[in-house]
Amino acid sequence: MAAKTTNTKAKKQSAESMADAYIKFLLTHGKAPASVFAFADENGFAEGEFYKFYSSFEALEISVWETMLTKTLDTLHADEQFAKFSAREKLLAFYYTHLEVLKDRRSFVAMRWPDMKMQTSTPKTLKDYKKAYTDFARVVVEEGIEKGEIKDRPKLSEQYDKAFWVQLVFVVGYWIKDVSKDFEQSDAAVEKAVNLTFQLLGESALDSAVDFAKFLWQSK
């Protein structure tokens, strides 16, 4: 009699359940599975099921990052009040919401978020995530300019979304290292970072720059 195992019947998979299984493996073993076959076999589904959703483990991780960004934006836009927010308020809402979304996969984020100081370009796994964010940031900038929150500077204004990306990199990196209760220091860092950014893109930056520098020094 053939031994009964959990792998005798291929299980119906969804993209989300497959991503969950991959992340569980990654966090449990500290590395990606040796192959798609090994991953599928361990989780009781046919290898072909994997390729219905992802071409590789790298493609899966690209999707995980982009999905977390998209979930954040969907949550924001589902709130009717969000459209009425100022540009600054929209950016604050984005960060607070995004950190809550990331919290559900904090261990994965902490493991896979690269040390950006060592990167000469955006890692491939984050390129779709970055594009989704900078597209959002570009709209916030345009609205900020229209409302007078952000100063329109010839040519330089076109680069503002890149400054917002640098800010996001800082916020996520800070949050990963935050050991305060309920990540209270991260909430404070977000507010100060956003205030500084709008001061820099607006008219005056000195007071916010000094305040932010003091905060970083005191929170070491």
Foldseek 3Di string as FASTA:
>chain_A
DDDDDLQPAADQDDLVVLLVLQLVCCLVVVHGDPALCVSRSVVRHHSVNVVVHAPGVLRSLLVVLQVLLVVLVVVLVVDPCNVVDALLVNQLSSLVSSVVSCVVVLSSCLSPVDPVVPDPDDDPSCPSNLVSQLVVNLVSLVRCCVVQLFPDDPPVSVCLSVVVSVVVSVLSVCQSPQPDVVSPLSSVLSNLSSVQSSCVRHPHRVVSVVVNVVSVVVVD
